[in-house]
Amino acid sequence: MIEYIIIALIQGIFEWLPISSSGQVIIVSTKFFGISPENAFSLAIWLHLGTTIAVLLKFRGDYLRIIKAIIQKGSNVEESDIKKRNWIIFATIGTRITALPLYFIYQTYIFRCFYSYSRRLNYSFYLRIININWHNYN
């Protein structure tokens, strides 16, 4: 139980730094506490959920005002909230414009090329083992 508290503290500290908090959690979980990589990855995802909830609670007033700026089109919405709303909309559109093509490029070229290359390496490896065993028996 203490290891999960330590890992949660690491997540909380590294989440606000410009490094990968998920990577740190997975490294500490696997190397220091002997947690399997699959469970460490799952733990990192659950810790991100906790971080998201903490951020939503901390900035709940800002989020409610931004949601109000999205829903209401009246004069009782502050200009700064309208600007925040617009930034969120533009950032979401920009992320979709850049992320979707990169995702398809990854799926089409990088993943398939790596997969076919790794299959060729496996076949080469198996052929070498068969060849070595063939020569050992003859």
N, C-alpha and C. Protein backbone atom coordinates (compact mmCIF):
# COMPACT_ATOMS: atom_id res chain seq x y z
N MET A 1 0.82 -1.19 0.00
CA MET A 1 0.00 0.00 0.00
C MET A 1 0.86 1.26 0.00
N ILE A 2 1.98 1.21 0.71
CA ILE A 2 2.85 2.39 0.79
C ILE A 2 3.45 2.71 -0.58
N GLU A 3 3.70 1.68 -1.40
CA GLU A 3 4.28 1.93 -2.72
C GLU A 3 3.31 2.73 -3.61
N TYR A 4 2.01 2.47 -3.45
CA TYR A 4 1.03 3.22 -4.25
C TYR A 4 0.94 4.68 -3.80
N ILE A 5 1.12 4.91 -2.51
CA ILE A 5 1.14 6.29 -2.02
C ILE A 5 2.36 7.02 -2.55
N ILE A 6 3.51 6.34 -2.55
CA ILE A 6 4.74 6.95 -3.09
C ILE A 6 4.59 7.24 -4.58
N ILE A 7 4.03 6.29 -5.32
CA ILE A 7 3.83 6.48 -6.76
C ILE A 7 2.85 7.63 -7.02
N ALA A 8 1.80 7.73 -6.21
CA ALA A 8 0.84 8.83 -6.37
C ALA A 8 1.51 10.17 -6.07
N LEU A 9 2.38 10.21 -5.09
CA LEU A 9 3.11 11.45 -4.80
C LEU A 9 4.04 11.83 -5.96
N ILE A 10 4.69 10.83 -6.54
CA ILE A 10 5.55 11.08 -7.70
C ILE A 10 4.72 11.63 -8.86
N GLN A 11 3.56 11.03 -9.08
CA GLN A 11 2.66 11.53 -10.13
C GLN A 11 2.27 12.97 -9.87
N GLY A 12 1.90 13.27 -8.64
CA GLY A 12 1.48 14.63 -8.29
C GLY A 12 2.59 15.65 -8.46
N ILE A 13 3.82 15.26 -8.17
CA ILE A 13 4.96 16.19 -8.33
C ILE A 13 5.32 16.36 -9.80
N PHE A 14 5.45 15.26 -10.51
CA PHE A 14 5.93 15.33 -11.89
C PHE A 14 4.87 15.77 -12.88
N GLU A 15 3.61 15.75 -12.50
CA GLU A 15 2.55 16.17 -13.43
C GLU A 15 2.71 17.63 -13.82
N TRP A 16 3.22 18.45 -12.92
CA TRP A 16 3.32 19.89 -13.18
C TRP A 16 4.67 20.27 -13.77
N LEU A 17 5.56 19.33 -13.93
CA LEU A 17 6.87 19.60 -14.55
C LEU A 17 6.82 19.23 -16.03
N PRO A 18 7.68 19.83 -16.83
CA PRO A 18 7.65 19.53 -18.28
C PRO A 18 8.36 18.23 -18.64
N ILE A 19 8.08 17.17 -17.88
CA ILE A 19 8.58 15.83 -18.20
C ILE A 19 7.39 14.88 -18.15
N SER A 20 7.59 13.68 -18.62
CA SER A 20 6.50 12.71 -18.68
C SER A 20 6.25 12.12 -17.30
N SER A 21 5.14 12.51 -16.70
CA SER A 21 4.80 11.94 -15.40
C SER A 21 4.42 10.46 -15.55
N SER A 22 3.81 10.11 -16.67
CA SER A 22 3.47 8.70 -16.91
C SER A 22 4.74 7.85 -16.99
N GLY A 23 5.72 8.37 -17.69
CA GLY A 23 6.99 7.65 -17.80
C GLY A 23 7.65 7.46 -16.45
N GLN A 24 7.63 8.50 -15.63
CA GLN A 24 8.23 8.41 -14.30
C GLN A 24 7.49 7.39 -13.44
N VAL A 25 6.16 7.41 -13.51
CA VAL A 25 5.37 6.46 -12.74
C VAL A 25 5.66 5.03 -13.18
N ILE A 26 5.73 4.81 -14.47
CA ILE A 26 5.98 3.46 -14.98
C ILE A 26 7.40 3.00 -14.61
N ILE A 27 8.37 3.88 -14.72
CA ILE A 27 9.74 3.51 -14.37
C ILE A 27 9.85 3.17 -12.89
N VAL A 28 9.33 4.02 -12.03
CA VAL A 28 9.40 3.77 -10.59
C VAL A 28 8.62 2.51 -10.22
N SER A 29 7.45 2.34 -10.82
CA SER A 29 6.62 1.17 -10.51
C SER A 29 7.31 -0.13 -10.88
N THR A 30 7.90 -0.16 -12.07
CA THR A 30 8.51 -1.42 -12.53
C THR A 30 9.88 -1.66 -11.92
N LYS A 31 10.70 -0.64 -11.83
CA LYS A 31 12.09 -0.84 -11.38
C LYS A 31 12.24 -0.93 -9.87
N PHE A 32 11.47 -0.12 -9.14
CA PHE A 32 11.66 -0.08 -7.70
C PHE A 32 10.65 -0.92 -6.92
N PHE A 33 9.44 -1.08 -7.47
CA PHE A 33 8.41 -1.80 -6.73
C PHE A 33 8.03 -3.12 -7.37
N GLY A 34 8.63 -3.47 -8.50
CA GLY A 34 8.40 -4.77 -9.12
C GLY A 34 7.00 -4.97 -9.70
N ILE A 35 6.31 -3.89 -10.01
CA ILE A 35 4.99 -4.00 -10.63
C ILE A 35 5.17 -4.30 -12.11
N SER A 36 4.35 -5.16 -12.67
CA SER A 36 4.48 -5.51 -14.08
C SER A 36 4.22 -4.27 -14.95
N PRO A 37 4.83 -4.21 -16.14
CA PRO A 37 4.62 -3.05 -17.01
C PRO A 37 3.15 -2.80 -17.35
N GLU A 38 2.37 -3.86 -17.54
CA GLU A 38 0.96 -3.69 -17.86
C GLU A 38 0.21 -3.03 -16.68
N ASN A 39 0.48 -3.51 -15.48
CA ASN A 39 -0.16 -2.92 -14.30
C ASN A 39 0.35 -1.51 -14.03
N ALA A 40 1.63 -1.26 -14.31
CA ALA A 40 2.18 0.09 -14.12
C ALA A 40 1.53 1.07 -15.09
N PHE A 41 1.30 0.63 -16.33
CA PHE A 41 0.64 1.50 -17.31
C PHE A 41 -0.80 1.78 -16.88
N SER A 42 -1.50 0.76 -16.42
CA SER A 42 -2.87 0.94 -15.93
C SER A 42 -2.89 1.87 -14.72
N LEU A 43 -1.93 1.72 -13.83
CA LEU A 43 -1.83 2.59 -12.67
C LEU A 43 -1.60 4.04 -13.08
N ALA A 44 -0.75 4.26 -14.09
CA ALA A 44 -0.48 5.61 -14.57
C ALA A 44 -1.75 6.24 -15.14
N ILE A 45 -2.56 5.46 -15.82
CA ILE A 45 -3.82 5.99 -16.36
C ILE A 45 -4.77 6.37 -15.23
N TRP A 46 -4.89 5.53 -14.23
CA TRP A 46 -5.77 5.84 -13.10
C TRP A 46 -5.26 7.05 -12.33
N LEU A 47 -3.96 7.20 -12.21
CA LEU A 47 -3.41 8.37 -11.54
C LEU A 47 -3.70 9.64 -12.33
N HIS A 48 -3.69 9.54 -13.66
CA HIS A 48 -4.06 10.71 -14.48
C HIS A 48 -5.52 11.08 -14.28
N LEU A 49 -6.36 10.09 -14.07
CA LEU A 49 -7.77 10.38 -13.78
C LEU A 49 -7.87 11.15 -12.46
N GLY A 50 -7.10 10.74 -11.46
CA GLY A 50 -7.09 11.46 -10.20
C GLY A 50 -6.57 12.88 -10.35
N THR A 51 -5.54 13.05 -11.18
CA THR A 51 -5.01 14.40 -11.44
C THR A 51 -6.06 15.26 -12.14
N THR A 52 -6.78 14.68 -13.08
CA THR A 52 -7.83 15.41 -13.79
C THR A 52 -8.92 15.86 -12.83
N ILE A 53 -9.33 14.99 -11.95
CA ILE A 53 -10.36 15.35 -10.97
C ILE A 53 -9.86 16.45 -10.05
N ALA A 54 -8.60 16.36 -9.62
CA ALA A 54 -8.04 17.40 -8.74
C ALA A 54 -8.00 18.75 -9.45
N VAL A 55 -7.60 18.76 -10.73
CA VAL A 55 -7.55 20.02 -11.49
C VAL A 55 -8.95 20.58 -11.69
N LEU A 56 -9.91 19.71 -11.99
CA LEU A 56 -11.29 20.17 -12.17
C LEU A 56 -11.85 20.77 -10.88
N LEU A 57 -11.51 20.17 -9.75
CA LEU A 57 -11.97 20.72 -8.48
C LEU A 57 -11.28 22.04 -8.16
N LYS A 58 -9.99 22.11 -8.42
CA LYS A 58 -9.24 23.33 -8.12
C LYS A 58 -9.73 24.51 -8.96
N PHE A 59 -9.98 24.28 -10.24
CA PHE A 59 -10.37 25.35 -11.16
C PHE A 59 -11.85 25.28 -11.53
N ARG A 60 -12.68 24.77 -10.64
CA ARG A 60 -14.10 24.58 -10.96
C ARG A 60 -14.80 25.89 -11.28
N GLY A 61 -14.42 26.96 -10.63
CA GLY A 61 -15.04 28.25 -10.93
C GLY A 61 -14.74 28.70 -12.35
N ASP A 62 -13.48 28.53 -12.76
CA ASP A 62 -13.11 28.89 -14.14
C ASP A 62 -13.87 28.03 -15.15
N TYR A 63 -13.95 26.73 -14.87
CA TYR A 63 -14.64 25.85 -15.80
C TYR A 63 -16.12 26.19 -15.91
N LEU A 64 -16.73 26.48 -14.77
CA LEU A 64 -18.15 26.83 -14.80
C LEU A 64 -18.39 28.12 -15.58
N ARG A 65 -17.49 29.10 -15.43
CA ARG A 65 -17.65 30.36 -16.19
C ARG A 65 -17.44 30.13 -17.68
N ILE A 66 -16.51 29.25 -18.04
CA ILE A 66 -16.28 28.97 -19.46
C ILE A 66 -17.48 28.23 -20.05
N ILE A 67 -18.03 27.27 -19.29
CA ILE A 67 -19.22 26.56 -19.76
C ILE A 67 -20.39 27.55 -19.90
N LYS A 68 -20.47 28.47 -18.96
CA LYS A 68 -21.52 29.50 -19.04
C LYS A 68 -21.32 30.36 -20.29
N ALA A 69 -20.06 30.65 -20.64
CA ALA A 69 -19.78 31.44 -21.85
C ALA A 69 -20.13 30.65 -23.11
N ILE A 70 -20.06 29.33 -23.04
CA ILE A 70 -20.43 28.51 -24.20
C ILE A 70 -21.95 28.47 -24.35
N ILE A 71 -22.64 28.32 -23.23
CA ILE A 71 -24.10 28.15 -23.28
C ILE A 71 -24.83 29.47 -23.49
N GLN A 72 -24.45 30.48 -22.71
CA GLN A 72 -25.19 31.75 -22.78
C GLN A 72 -24.58 32.67 -23.83
N LYS A 73 -25.42 33.37 -24.49
CA LYS A 73 -24.99 34.35 -25.49
C LYS A 73 -25.42 35.75 -25.06
N GLY A 74 -25.38 36.03 -23.77
CA GLY A 74 -25.87 37.31 -23.28
C GLY A 74 -24.75 38.25 -22.89
N SER A 75 -25.15 39.34 -22.29
CA SER A 75 -24.20 40.37 -21.90
C SER A 75 -23.60 40.14 -20.52
N ASN A 76 -24.12 39.17 -19.74
CA ASN A 76 -23.61 38.94 -18.41
C ASN A 76 -22.44 37.94 -18.38
N VAL A 77 -21.81 37.72 -19.52
CA VAL A 77 -20.63 36.88 -19.61
C VAL A 77 -19.42 37.79 -19.76
N GLU A 78 -18.41 37.53 -18.95
CA GLU A 78 -17.21 38.38 -18.97
C GLU A 78 -16.40 38.15 -20.24
N GLU A 79 -15.70 39.19 -20.64
CA GLU A 79 -14.87 39.13 -21.86
C GLU A 79 -13.74 38.11 -21.71
N SER A 80 -13.15 38.03 -20.51
CA SER A 80 -12.05 37.08 -20.31
C SER A 80 -12.53 35.64 -20.44
N ASP A 81 -13.74 35.35 -20.00
CA ASP A 81 -14.29 34.00 -20.15
C ASP A 81 -14.57 33.68 -21.61
N ILE A 82 -14.99 34.66 -22.38
CA ILE A 82 -15.20 34.45 -23.81
C ILE A 82 -13.87 34.16 -24.50
N LYS A 83 -12.81 34.88 -24.09
CA LYS A 83 -11.48 34.63 -24.66
C LYS A 83 -11.00 33.23 -24.31
N LYS A 84 -11.20 32.81 -23.06
CA LYS A 84 -10.81 31.45 -22.65
C LYS A 84 -11.58 30.41 -23.45
N ARG A 85 -12.88 30.63 -23.62
CA ARG A 85 -13.70 29.72 -24.42
C ARG A 85 -13.16 29.61 -25.84
N ASN A 86 -12.83 30.76 -26.44
CA ASN A 86 -12.32 30.76 -27.81
C ASN A 86 -10.98 30.04 -27.90
N TRP A 87 -10.12 30.25 -26.90
CA TRP A 87 -8.83 29.56 -26.91
C TRP A 87 -9.01 28.05 -26.83
N ILE A 88 -9.95 27.59 -26.02
CA ILE A 88 -10.21 26.15 -25.92
C ILE A 88 -10.72 25.61 -27.26
N ILE A 89 -11.61 26.35 -27.90
CA ILE A 89 -12.14 25.91 -29.20
C ILE A 89 -11.03 25.87 -30.24
N PHE A 90 -10.21 26.92 -30.32
CA PHE A 90 -9.12 26.96 -31.30
C PHE A 90 -8.08 25.89 -31.02
N ALA A 91 -7.77 25.66 -29.75
CA ALA A 91 -6.79 24.63 -29.41
C ALA A 91 -7.30 23.24 -29.77
N THR A 92 -8.59 23.01 -29.57
CA THR A 92 -9.17 21.72 -29.92
C THR A 92 -9.15 21.50 -31.44
N ILE A 93 -9.51 22.53 -32.18
CA ILE A 93 -9.48 22.43 -33.64
C ILE A 93 -8.04 22.22 -34.12
N GLY A 94 -7.09 22.97 -33.57
CA GLY A 94 -5.69 22.82 -33.97
C GLY A 94 -5.14 21.44 -33.64
N THR A 95 -5.54 20.90 -32.51
CA THR A 95 -5.10 19.55 -32.14
C THR A 95 -5.65 18.52 -33.10
N ARG A 96 -6.91 18.66 -33.46
CA ARG A 96 -7.49 17.71 -34.42
C ARG A 96 -6.84 17.82 -35.79
N ILE A 97 -6.55 19.04 -36.21
CA ILE A 97 -5.95 19.23 -37.54
C ILE A 97 -4.56 18.59 -37.59
N THR A 98 -3.80 18.70 -36.51
CA THR A 98 -2.45 18.12 -36.52
C THR A 98 -2.42 16.66 -36.10
N ALA A 99 -3.27 16.27 -35.16
CA ALA A 99 -3.18 14.92 -34.61
C ALA A 99 -3.76 13.87 -35.55
N LEU A 100 -4.85 14.14 -36.20
CA LEU A 100 -5.45 13.12 -37.07
C LEU A 100 -4.53 12.71 -38.23
N PRO A 101 -3.95 13.67 -38.98
CA PRO A 101 -3.02 13.23 -40.02
C PRO A 101 -1.81 12.47 -39.47
N LEU A 102 -1.30 12.91 -38.33
CA LEU A 102 -0.16 12.20 -37.73
C LEU A 102 -0.55 10.80 -37.31
N TYR A 103 -1.76 10.64 -36.80
CA TYR A 103 -2.24 9.31 -36.43
C TYR A 103 -2.32 8.40 -37.65
N PHE A 104 -2.89 8.92 -38.74
CA PHE A 104 -3.01 8.10 -39.94
C PHE A 104 -1.65 7.80 -40.56
N ILE A 105 -0.74 8.75 -40.50
CA ILE A 105 0.63 8.49 -40.99
C ILE A 105 1.28 7.40 -40.15
N TYR A 106 1.12 7.49 -38.86
CA TYR A 106 1.68 6.47 -37.97
C TYR A 106 1.10 5.11 -38.29
N GLN A 107 -0.23 5.03 -38.40
CA GLN A 107 -0.87 3.76 -38.67
C GLN A 107 -0.48 3.20 -40.03
N THR A 108 -0.40 4.08 -41.04
CA THR A 108 -0.16 3.62 -42.39
C THR A 108 1.30 3.23 -42.63
N TYR A 109 2.21 4.07 -42.22
CA TYR A 109 3.61 3.87 -42.58
C TYR A 109 4.46 3.29 -41.46
N ILE A 110 4.46 3.95 -40.34
CA ILE A 110 5.40 3.56 -39.29
C ILE A 110 5.02 2.23 -38.68
N PHE A 111 3.77 2.06 -38.27
CA PHE A 111 3.37 0.83 -37.62
C PHE A 111 3.47 -0.36 -38.57
N ARG A 112 2.97 -0.20 -39.79
CA ARG A 112 3.01 -1.31 -40.75
C ARG A 112 4.43 -1.65 -41.16
N CYS A 113 5.25 -0.62 -41.36
CA CYS A 113 6.65 -0.88 -41.72
C CYS A 113 7.38 -1.58 -40.58
N PHE A 114 7.16 -1.12 -39.36
CA PHE A 114 7.80 -1.75 -38.22
C PHE A 114 7.31 -3.17 -38.05
N TYR A 115 6.00 -3.37 -38.23
CA TYR A 115 5.44 -4.71 -38.07
C TYR A 115 6.02 -5.66 -39.12
N SER A 116 6.08 -5.21 -40.37
CA SER A 116 6.63 -6.10 -41.40
C SER A 116 8.12 -6.31 -41.19
N TYR A 117 8.84 -5.28 -40.73
CA TYR A 117 10.27 -5.42 -40.46
C TYR A 117 10.49 -6.40 -39.30
N SER A 118 9.67 -6.30 -38.26
CA SER A 118 9.84 -7.21 -37.13
C SER A 118 9.50 -8.64 -37.53
N ARG A 119 8.54 -8.81 -38.43
CA ARG A 119 8.22 -10.17 -38.90
C ARG A 119 9.39 -10.73 -39.69
N ARG A 120 10.02 -9.88 -40.53
CA ARG A 120 11.18 -10.35 -41.29
C ARG A 120 12.32 -10.72 -40.35
N LEU A 121 12.51 -9.94 -39.29
CA LEU A 121 13.55 -10.28 -38.32
C LEU A 121 13.24 -11.60 -37.64
N ASN A 122 11.98 -11.83 -37.30
CA ASN A 122 11.60 -13.10 -36.68
C ASN A 122 11.85 -14.27 -37.62
N TYR A 123 11.45 -14.12 -38.89
CA TYR A 123 11.68 -15.18 -39.85
C TYR A 123 13.18 -15.44 -40.03
N SER A 124 13.94 -14.37 -40.10
CA SER A 124 15.39 -14.53 -40.23
C SER A 124 15.97 -15.24 -39.02
N PHE A 125 15.49 -14.86 -37.84
CA PHE A 125 15.95 -15.48 -36.61
C PHE A 125 15.62 -16.97 -36.59
N TYR A 126 14.38 -17.31 -36.96
CA TYR A 126 13.97 -18.71 -36.97
C TYR A 126 14.74 -19.51 -38.01
N LEU A 127 14.99 -18.92 -39.18
CA LEU A 127 15.76 -19.63 -40.20
C LEU A 127 17.19 -19.88 -39.73
N ARG A 128 17.77 -18.93 -39.01
CA ARG A 128 19.12 -19.12 -38.49
C ARG A 128 19.15 -20.22 -37.44
N ILE A 129 18.14 -20.28 -36.59
CA ILE A 129 18.09 -21.34 -35.58
C ILE A 129 17.95 -22.70 -36.26
N ILE A 130 17.07 -22.75 -37.27
CA ILE A 130 16.91 -24.01 -37.99
C ILE A 130 18.22 -24.40 -38.67
N ASN A 131 18.90 -23.43 -39.27
CA ASN A 131 20.16 -23.69 -39.94
C ASN A 131 21.22 -24.16 -38.95
N ILE A 132 21.29 -23.51 -37.79
CA ILE A 132 22.27 -23.92 -36.78
C ILE A 132 21.96 -25.33 -36.29
N ASN A 133 20.69 -25.61 -36.01
CA ASN A 133 20.32 -26.95 -35.56
C ASN A 133 20.55 -27.98 -36.64
N TRP A 134 20.31 -27.64 -37.90
CA TRP A 134 20.55 -28.56 -39.02
C TRP A 134 22.02 -28.94 -39.08
N HIS A 135 22.92 -27.93 -38.93
CA HIS A 135 24.34 -28.19 -38.98
C HIS A 135 24.82 -28.95 -37.74
N ASN A 136 24.19 -28.77 -36.61
CA ASN A 136 24.59 -29.50 -35.41
C ASN A 136 24.23 -30.97 -35.50
N TYR A 137 23.17 -31.30 -36.20
CA TYR A 137 22.76 -32.69 -36.31
C TYR A 137 23.42 -33.42 -37.47
N ASN A 138 24.00 -32.70 -38.41
CA ASN A 138 24.62 -33.35 -39.57
C ASN A 138 26.11 -33.37 -39.47
